[in-house]
PDB file of N, CA and C in Angstrom:
ATOM      1  N   MET A   1      85.610 124.177   9.609  1.00  0.00           N
ATOM      2  CA  MET A   1      85.324 123.131   8.677  1.00  0.00           C
ATOM      3  C   MET A   1      85.685 121.588   8.517  1.00  0.00           C
ATOM      4  N   ASN A   2      84.715 120.878   8.495  1.00  0.00           N
ATOM      5  CA  ASN A   2      85.508 120.278   9.470  1.00  0.00           C
ATOM      6  C   ASN A   2      85.986 118.232   8.092  1.00  0.00           C
ATOM      7  N   LYS A   3      86.597 117.904   8.755  1.00  0.00           N
ATOM      8  CA  LYS A   3      87.269 116.948   7.597  1.00  0.00           C
ATOM      9  C   LYS A   3      86.610 115.441   8.405  1.00  0.00           C
ATOM     10  N   TYR A   4      86.546 115.031   7.091  1.00  0.00           N
ATOM     11  CA  TYR A   4      85.344 113.749   7.411  1.00  0.00           C
ATOM     12  C   TYR A   4      86.559 112.026   6.722  1.00  0.00           C
ATOM     13  N   SER A   5      86.693 110.962   7.935  1.00  0.00           N
ATOM     14  CA  SER A   5      88.003 110.546   7.066  1.00  0.00           C
ATOM     15  C   SER A   5      86.925 108.907   6.749  1.00  0.00           C
ATOM     16  N   PHE A   6      87.808 108.371   5.684  1.00  0.00           N
ATOM     17  CA  PHE A   6      86.535 107.115   5.703  1.00  0.00           C
ATOM     18  C   PHE A   6      87.247 106.197   5.294  1.00  0.00           C
ATOM     19  N   PHE A   7      86.941 105.063   6.079  1.00  0.00           N
ATOM     20  CA  PHE A   7      87.667 103.517   6.207  1.00  0.00           C
ATOM     21  C   PHE A   7      87.050 102.176   5.815  1.00  0.00           C
ATOM     22  N   CYS A   8      87.096 101.416   5.147  1.00  0.00           N
ATOM     23  CA  CYS A   8      86.446 100.405   4.861  1.00  0.00           C
ATOM     24  C   CYS A   8      87.213  99.478   5.057  1.00  0.00           C
ATOM     25  N   ASP A   9      86.518  98.622   6.349  1.00  0.00           N
ATOM     26  CA  ASP A   9      86.838  97.547   6.940  1.00  0.00           C
ATOM     27  C   ASP A   9      87.263  95.996   6.264  1.00  0.00           C
ATOM     28  N   HIS A  10      86.370  95.380   5.364  1.00  0.00           N
ATOM     29  CA  HIS A  10      86.789  95.107   4.290  1.00  0.00           C
ATOM     30  C   HIS A  10      87.560  95.254   3.124  1.00  0.00           C
ATOM     31  N   CYS A  11      87.717  96.099   2.514  1.00  0.00           N
ATOM     32  CA  CYS A  11      88.704  95.534   1.511  1.00  0.00           C
ATOM     33  C   CYS A  11      90.435  97.157   1.972  1.00  0.00           C
ATOM     34  N   SER A  12      89.806  97.518   2.847  1.00  0.00           N
ATOM     35  CA  SER A  12      91.334  99.137   3.630  1.00  0.00           C
ATOM     36  C   SER A  12      91.149  99.835   2.355  1.00  0.00           C
ATOM     37  N   PHE A  13      89.512 100.128   2.140  1.00  0.00           N
ATOM     38  CA  PHE A  13      89.814 101.818   0.614  1.00  0.00           C
ATOM     39  C   PHE A  13      89.496 102.651   2.033  1.00  0.00           C
ATOM     40  N   ARG A  14      90.705 103.561   2.082  1.00  0.00           N
ATOM     41  CA  ARG A  14      91.112 104.646   2.613  1.00  0.00           C
ATOM     42  C   ARG A  14      90.498 105.989   2.121  1.00  0.00           C
ATOM     43  N   LYS A  15      89.798 107.068   2.213  1.00  0.00           N
ATOM     44  CA  LYS A  15      90.040 108.858   1.341  1.00  0.00           C
ATOM     45  C   LYS A  15      89.589 109.919   3.073  1.00  0.00           C
ATOM     46  N   ILE A  16      90.240 111.157   2.907  1.00  0.00           N
ATOM     47  CA  ILE A  16      89.954 112.273   3.505  1.00  0.00           C
ATOM     48  C   ILE A  16      89.247 113.211   2.724  1.00  0.00           C
ATOM     49  N   ILE A  17      87.941 113.204   3.305  1.00  0.00           N
ATOM     50  CA  ILE A  17      87.026 113.715   2.643  1.00  0.00           C
ATOM     51  C   ILE A  17      87.300 115.656   3.139  1.00  0.00           C
ATOM     52  N   ASN A  18      87.480 116.466   2.129  1.00  0.00           N
ATOM     53  CA  ASN A  18      88.093 117.522   2.923  1.00  0.00           C
ATOM     54  C   ASN A  18      86.729 118.620   2.181  1.00  0.00           C
ATOM     55  N   ASN A  19      86.747 118.557   0.728  1.00  0.00           N
ATOM     56  CA  ASN A  19      85.504 119.780  -0.428  1.00  0.00           C
ATOM     57  C   ASN A  19      84.469 118.236  -0.099  1.00  0.00           C
ATOM     58  N   PRO A  20      82.792 118.985  -0.815  1.00  0.00           N
ATOM     59  CA  PRO A  20      82.212 118.150  -0.681  1.00  0.00           C
ATOM     60  C   PRO A  20      81.857 118.536  -2.227  1.00  0.00           C
ATOM     61  N   GLU A  21      82.996 118.811  -3.183  1.00  0.00           N
ATOM     62  CA  GLU A  21      82.810 117.301  -4.202  1.00  0.00           C
ATOM     63  C   GLU A  21      83.768 116.687  -4.379  1.00  0.00           C
ATOM     64  N   ASP A  22      84.636 115.939  -3.218  1.00  0.00           N
ATOM     65  CA  ASP A  22      84.898 114.324  -2.864  1.00  0.00           C
ATOM     66  C   ASP A  22      83.665 113.903  -2.396  1.00  0.00           C
ATOM     67  N   LEU A  23      82.671 114.103  -2.344  1.00  0.00           N
ATOM     68  CA  LEU A  23      81.533 112.883  -2.051  1.00  0.00           C
ATOM     69  C   LEU A  23      81.657 112.581  -3.387  1.00  0.00           C
ATOM     70  N   ASP A  24      82.063 112.905  -4.606  1.00  0.00           N
ATOM     71  CA  ASP A  24      81.476 112.154  -5.706  1.00  0.00           C
ATOM     72  C   ASP A  24      81.241 110.502  -6.320  1.00  0.00           C
ATOM     73  N   ILE A  25      82.385 110.478  -5.110  1.00  0.00           N
ATOM     74  CA  ILE A  25      82.768 109.323  -6.049  1.00  0.00           C
ATOM     75  C   ILE A  25      82.089 108.611  -4.848  1.00  0.00           C
ATOM     76  N   PHE A  26      81.393 108.919  -4.091  1.00  0.00           N
ATOM     77  CA  PHE A  26      81.383 107.607  -2.872  1.00  0.00           C
ATOM     78  C   PHE A  26      79.011 107.891  -3.194  1.00  0.00           C
ATOM     79  N   VAL A  27      78.281 106.430  -2.500  1.00  0.00           N
ATOM     80  CA  VAL A  27      76.978 107.016  -3.183  1.00  0.00           C
ATOM     81  C   VAL A  27      76.702 107.013  -1.531  1.00  0.00           C
ATOM     82  N   ILE A  28      74.928 107.547  -1.335  1.00  0.00           N
ATOM     83  CA  ILE A  28      74.836 108.068  -0.307  1.00  0.00           C
ATOM     84  C   ILE A  28      73.524 107.110  -0.326  1.00  0.00           C
ATOM     85  N   ILE A  29      73.837 106.456   1.007  1.00  0.00           N
ATOM     86  CA  ILE A  29      72.923 105.505   0.988  1.00  0.00           C
ATOM     87  C   ILE A  29      71.709 105.796   2.323  1.00  0.00           C
ATOM     88  N   PRO A  30      70.333 105.681   1.517  1.00  0.00           N
ATOM     89  CA  PRO A  30      69.284 107.056   2.216  1.00  0.00           C
ATOM     90  C   PRO A  30      68.866 105.875   3.157  1.00  0.00           C
ATOM     91  N   SER A  31      68.568 106.207   4.900  1.00  0.00           N
ATOM     92  CA  SER A  31      67.928 105.639   6.178  1.00  0.00           C
ATOM     93  C   SER A  31      67.056 106.686   6.356  1.00  0.00           C
ATOM     94  N   SER A  32      65.701 106.692   7.224  1.00  0.00           N
ATOM     95  CA  SER A  32      64.816 106.352   8.028  1.00  0.00           C
ATOM     96  C   SER A  32      65.559 107.028   9.312  1.00  0.00           C
ATOM     97  N   PRO A  33      64.139 107.874   9.853  1.00  0.00           N
ATOM     98  CA  PRO A  33      64.418 108.469  10.939  1.00  0.00           C
ATOM     99  C   PRO A  33      64.116 107.212  12.209  1.00  0.00           C
ATOM    100  N   ILE A  34      64.544 107.551  13.477  1.00  0.00           N
ATOM    101  CA  ILE A  34      64.661 105.760  14.412  1.00  0.00           C
ATOM    102  C   ILE A  34      63.611 107.066  15.350  1.00  0.00           C
ATOM    103  N   GLN A  35      62.750 105.946  15.843  1.00  0.00           N
ATOM    104  CA  GLN A  35      61.600 107.091  17.091  1.00  0.00           C
ATOM    105  C   GLN A  35      62.703 106.872  18.292  1.00  0.00           C
ATOM    106  N   LYS A  36      62.592 108.495  18.459  1.00  0.00           N
ATOM    107  CA  LYS A  36      63.344 108.759  20.209  1.00  0.00           C
ATOM    108  C   LYS A  36      62.690 108.342  21.025  1.00  0.00           C
ATOM    109  N   THR A  37      61.059 108.225  21.222  1.00  0.00           N
ATOM    110  CA  THR A  37      60.241 108.410  22.712  1.00  0.00           C
ATOM    111  C   THR A  37      59.143 107.557  22.335  1.00  0.00           C
ATOM    112  N   ILE A  38      58.564 107.345  23.261  1.00  0.00           N
ATOM    113  CA  ILE A  38      57.475 106.429  22.983  1.00  0.00           C
ATOM    114  C   ILE A  38      55.590 107.291  22.743  1.00  0.00           C
ATOM    115  N   PRO A  39      55.388 107.113  21.343  1.00  0.00           N
ATOM    116  CA  PRO A  39      54.740 107.528  21.098  1.00  0.00           C
ATOM    117  C   PRO A  39      53.440 108.025  22.288  1.00  0.00           C
ATOM    118  N   GLN A  40      52.472 109.001  21.951  1.00  0.00           N
ATOM    119  CA  GLN A  40      52.179 108.903  23.624  1.00  0.00           C
ATOM    120  C   GLN A  40      50.478 110.364  23.233  1.00  0.00           C
ATOM    121  N   ILE A  41      49.445 109.515  23.318  1.00  0.00           N
ATOM    122  CA  ILE A  41      48.656 110.794  21.986  1.00  0.00           C
ATOM    123  C   ILE A  41      48.470 112.465  23.198  1.00  0.00           C
ATOM    124  N   ASP A  42      48.117 113.150  22.229  1.00  0.00           N
ATOM    125  CA  ASP A  42      48.084 113.948  23.249  1.00  0.00           C
ATOM    126  C   ASP A  42      46.705 114.409  23.211  1.00  0.00           C
ATOM    127  N   SER A  43      46.829 115.342  24.313  1.00  0.00           N
ATOM    128  CA  SER A  43      45.120 115.693  25.358  1.00  0.00           C
ATOM    129  C   SER A  43      44.600 116.447  24.674  1.00  0.00           C
ATOM    130  N   LEU A  44      45.034 117.430  24.052  1.00  0.00           N
ATOM    131  CA  LEU A  44      43.980 118.653  23.291  1.00  0.00           C
ATOM    132  C   LEU A  44      43.413 118.278  21.737  1.00  0.00           C
ATOM    133  N   THR A  45      45.098 117.839  21.136  1.00  0.00           N
ATOM    134  CA  THR A  45      44.232 117.787  19.808  1.00  0.00           C
ATOM    135  C   THR A  45      43.816 116.085  19.626  1.00  0.00           C
ATOM    136  N   LYS A  46      44.050 115.170  20.607  1.00  0.00           N
ATOM    137  CA  LYS A  46      43.832 113.477  20.585  1.00  0.00           C
ATOM    138  C   LYS A  46      44.478 113.078  19.649  1.00  0.00           C
ATOM    139  N   LYS A  47      45.813 113.172  18.578  1.00  0.00           N
ATOM    140  CA  LYS A  47      47.003 112.836  17.659  1.00  0.00           C
ATOM    141  C   LYS A  47      48.064 112.086  18.476  1.00  0.00           C
ATOM    142  N   LEU A  48      48.621 111.553  17.361  1.00  0.00           N
ATOM    143  CA  LEU A  48      49.076 111.026  18.249  1.00  0.00           C
ATOM    144  C   LEU A  48      50.543 111.459  17.623  1.00  0.00           C
ATOM    145  N   LYS A  49      51.332 112.275  19.109  1.00  0.00           N
ATOM    146  CA  LYS A  49      52.770 112.869  18.335  1.00  0.00           C
ATOM    147  C   LYS A  49      54.413 111.654  19.302  1.00  0.00           C
ATOM    148  N   MET A  50      54.947 111.785  17.795  1.00  0.00           N
ATOM    149  CA  MET A  50      56.089 110.708  18.056  1.00  0.00           C
ATOM    150  C   MET A  50      57.573 111.541  18.527  1.00  0.00           C
ATOM    151  N   GLN A  51      58.243 112.040  18.880  1.00  0.00           N
ATOM    152  CA  GLN A  51      59.566 112.658  18.619  1.00  0.00           C
ATOM    153  C   GLN A  51      60.763 111.974  17.947  1.00  0.00           C
ATOM    154  N   SER A  52      61.148 111.795  17.025  1.00  0.00           N
ATOM    155  CA  SER A  52      61.748 110.460  15.700  1.00  0.00           C
ATOM    156  C   SER A  52      63.527 112.362  15.562  1.00  0.00           C
ATOM    157  N   MET A  53      64.224 111.716  15.376  1.00  0.00           N
ATOM    158  CA  MET A  53      65.870 111.737  15.046  1.00  0.00           C
ATOM    159  C   MET A  53      66.352 110.836  14.097  1.00  0.00           C
ATOM    160  N   ASN A  54      67.266 111.683  13.214  1.00  0.00           N
ATOM    161  CA  ASN A  54      67.904 111.127  11.781  1.00  0.00           C
ATOM    162  C   ASN A  54      69.061 110.622  12.819  1.00  0.00           C
ATOM    163  N   GLN A  55      69.435 109.238  11.535  1.00  0.00           N
ATOM    164  CA  GLN A  55      69.940 108.405  11.960  1.00  0.00           C
ATOM    165  C   GLN A  55      71.286 109.343  10.998  1.00  0.00           C
ATOM    166  N   PRO A  56      72.582 108.703  11.122  1.00  0.00           N
ATOM    167  CA  PRO A  56      73.804 109.485  11.094  1.00  0.00           C
ATOM    168  C   PRO A  56      73.912 108.471   9.494  1.00  0.00           C
ATOM    169  N   LYS A  57      74.638 109.411   8.607  1.00  0.00           N
ATOM    170  CA  LYS A  57      74.656 109.431   6.796  1.00  0.00           C
ATOM    171  C   LYS A  57      75.730 108.032   6.646  1.00  0.00           C
ATOM    172  N   LYS A  58      75.285 107.726   5.919  1.00  0.00           N
ATOM    173  CA  LYS A  58      76.140 106.058   4.977  1.00  0.00           C
ATOM    174  C   LYS A  58      76.799 105.949   3.415  1.00  0.00           C
ATOM    175  N   LEU A  59      78.032 105.520   3.823  1.00  0.00           N
ATOM    176  CA  LEU A  59      78.229 105.589   2.803  1.00  0.00           C
ATOM    177  C   LEU A  59      79.396 104.568   2.332  1.00  0.00           C
ATOM    178  N   LYS A  60      78.256 104.019   0.855  1.00  0.00           N
ATOM    179  CA  LYS A  60      79.241 102.841   0.289  1.00  0.00           C
ATOM    180  C   LYS A  60      80.446 102.923  -0.533  1.00  0.00           C
ATOM    181  N   CYS A  61      81.569 101.564   0.053  1.00  0.00           N
ATOM    182  CA  CYS A  61      82.927 101.799  -0.310  1.00  0.00           C
ATOM    183  C   CYS A  61      82.663 101.765  -2.209  1.00  0.00           C
ATOM    184  N   PRO A  62      83.993 102.844  -2.851  1.00  0.00           N
ATOM    185  CA  PRO A  62      83.325 102.611  -4.113  1.00  0.00           C
ATOM    186  C   PRO A  62      83.828 101.996  -4.669  1.00  0.00           C
ATOM    187  N   LYS A  63      84.878 100.675  -3.999  1.00  0.00           N
ATOM    188  CA  LYS A  63      85.499  99.809  -3.782  1.00  0.00           C
ATOM    189  C   LYS A  63      85.366  98.574  -3.830  1.00  0.00           C
ATOM    190  N   CYS A  64      84.155  98.264  -3.450  1.00  0.00           N
ATOM    191  CA  CYS A  64      82.998  96.899  -2.465  1.00  0.00           C
ATOM    192  C   CYS A  64      82.100  96.769  -2.668  1.00  0.00           C
ATOM    193  N   GLY A  65      81.436  97.802  -2.233  1.00  0.00           N
ATOM    194  CA  GLY A  65      80.515  98.215  -2.217  1.00  0.00           C
ATOM    195  C   GLY A  65      79.910  98.327  -0.876  1.00  0.00           C
ATOM    196  N   PHE A  66      80.406  97.942   0.370  1.00  0.00           N
ATOM    197  CA  PHE A  66      80.399  98.003   1.318  1.00  0.00           C
ATOM    198  C   PHE A  66      80.115  98.989   2.040  1.00  0.00           C
ATOM    199  N   SER A  67      78.900  99.127   2.906  1.00  0.00           N
ATOM    200  CA  SER A  67      78.508 100.284   3.745  1.00  0.00           C
ATOM    201  C   SER A  67      79.260 100.979   4.341  1.00  0.00           C
ATOM    202  N   ASN A  68      79.543 102.073   5.586  1.00  0.00           N
ATOM    203  CA  ASN A  68      80.242 102.284   6.553  1.00  0.00           C
ATOM    204  C   ASN A  68      80.099 104.096   6.658  1.00  0.00           C
ATOM    205  N   ARG A  69      80.173 104.359   7.991  1.00  0.00           N
ATOM    206  CA  ARG A  69      79.676 106.018   8.636  1.00  0.00           C
ATOM    207  C   ARG A  69      80.954 106.478   8.289  1.00  0.00           C
ATOM    208  N   PRO A  70      81.566 107.789   7.904  1.00  0.00           N
ATOM    209  CA  PRO A  70      82.199 108.905   7.770  1.00  0.00           C
ATOM    210  C   PRO A  70      83.054 109.082   9.360  1.00  0.00           C
ATOM    211  N   LYS A  71      84.466 109.685  10.012  1.00  0.00           N
ATOM    212  CA  LYS A  71      84.408 109.519  11.193  1.00  0.00           C
ATOM    213  C   LYS A  71      84.962 110.919  11.090  1.00  0.00           C
ATOM    214  N   ILE A  72      84.602 112.321  12.014  1.00  0.00           N
ATOM    215  CA  ILE A  72      84.913 113.193  12.622  1.00  0.00           C
ATOM    216  C   ILE A  72      86.062 113.413  12.426  1.00  0.00           C
ATOM    217  N   ILE A  73      87.201 114.020  11.773  1.00  0.00           N
ATOM    218  CA  ILE A  73      88.637 114.009  12.160  1.00  0.00           C
ATOM    219  C   ILE A  73      88.527 116.244  13.359  1.00  0.00           C
ATOM    220  N   LYS A  74      89.156 115.552  13.745  1.00  0.00           N
ATOM    221  CA  LYS A  74      88.801 116.877  14.649  1.00  0.00           C
ATOM    222  C   LYS A  74      90.336 117.385  14.269  1.00  0.00           C
ATOM    223  N   GLU A  75      90.032 118.548  14.124  1.00  0.00           N
ATOM    224  CA  GLU A  75      91.125 120.014  13.809  1.00  0.00           C
ATOM    225  C   GLU A  75      91.914 120.273  15.137  1.00  0.00           C
ATOM    226  N   GLU A  76      93.808 119.915  15.257  1.00  0.00           N
ATOM    227  CA  GLU A  76      93.621 120.697  15.827  1.00  0.00           C
ATOM    228  C   GLU A  76      94.740 121.340  16.389  1.00  0.00           C
ATOM    229  N   ALA A  77      94.013 122.890  17.524  1.00  0.00           N
ATOM    230  CA  ALA A  77      94.076 124.354  17.190  1.00  0.00           C
ATOM    231  C   ALA A  77      96.350 124.793  17.092  1.00  0.00           C
ATOM    232  N   LYS A  78      95.991 125.115  15.687  1.00  0.00           N
ATOM    233  CA  LYS A  78      97.743 125.157  15.908  1.00  0.00           C
ATOM    234  C   LYS A  78      98.502 126.444  17.182  1.00  0.00           C
ATOM    235  N   ASN A  79      99.335 126.730  17.536  1.00  0.00           N
ATOM    236  CA  ASN A  79     100.236 127.030  18.252  1.00  0.00           C
ATOM    237  C   ASN A  79     100.944 127.135  17.427  1.00  0.00           C
ATOM    238  N   ASP A  80     101.909 129.052  17.326  1.00  0.00           N
ATOM    239  CA  ASP A  80     102.555 129.501  16.647  1.00  0.00           C
ATOM    240  C   ASP A  80     103.698 129.673  17.222  1.00  0.00           C
ATOM    241  N   ASN A  81     103.374 130.260  18.760  1.00  0.00           N
ATOM    242  CA  ASN A  81     104.099 131.327  19.524  1.00  0.00           C
ATOM    243  C   ASN A  81     104.621 129.820  21.105  1.00  0.00           C
ATOM    244  N   ILE A  82     104.928 129.189  20.354  1.00  0.00           N
ATOM    245  CA  ILE A  82     105.910 128.251  21.211  1.00  0.00           C
ATOM    246  C   ILE A  82     107.728 128.967  20.572  1.00  0.00           C
ATOM    247  N   ASP A  83     107.762 128.740  21.675  1.00  0.00           N
ATOM    248  CA  ASP A  83     109.735 128.701  21.729  1.00  0.00           C
ATOM    249  C   ASP A  83     110.584 127.464  22.309  1.00  0.00           C
ATOM    250  N   ASN A  84     111.280 127.536  21.217  1.00  0.00           N
ATOM    251  CA  ASN A  84     112.558 126.294  21.723  1.00  0.00           C
ATOM    252  C   ASN A  84     113.358 126.448  22.520  1.00  0.00           C
TER     253      ASN A  84
END
């Protein structure tokens, strides 16, 4: 399971998100998909086809209200077989 780090540059609020229950203090800002390629007309169906991709989610800071994207914390592999 991934851990996420939320840091607000404006008010210096920090929160490490371990569980989905930790998201209850945040407001998720909805966003629309972004156009990925130039729209093209399909020669068979004569309809416009577009490819789009979703934007990363933004969370509103519970302290000041600014929006930021949470960053993924990569967990390092634990090696217990190291001899000192």
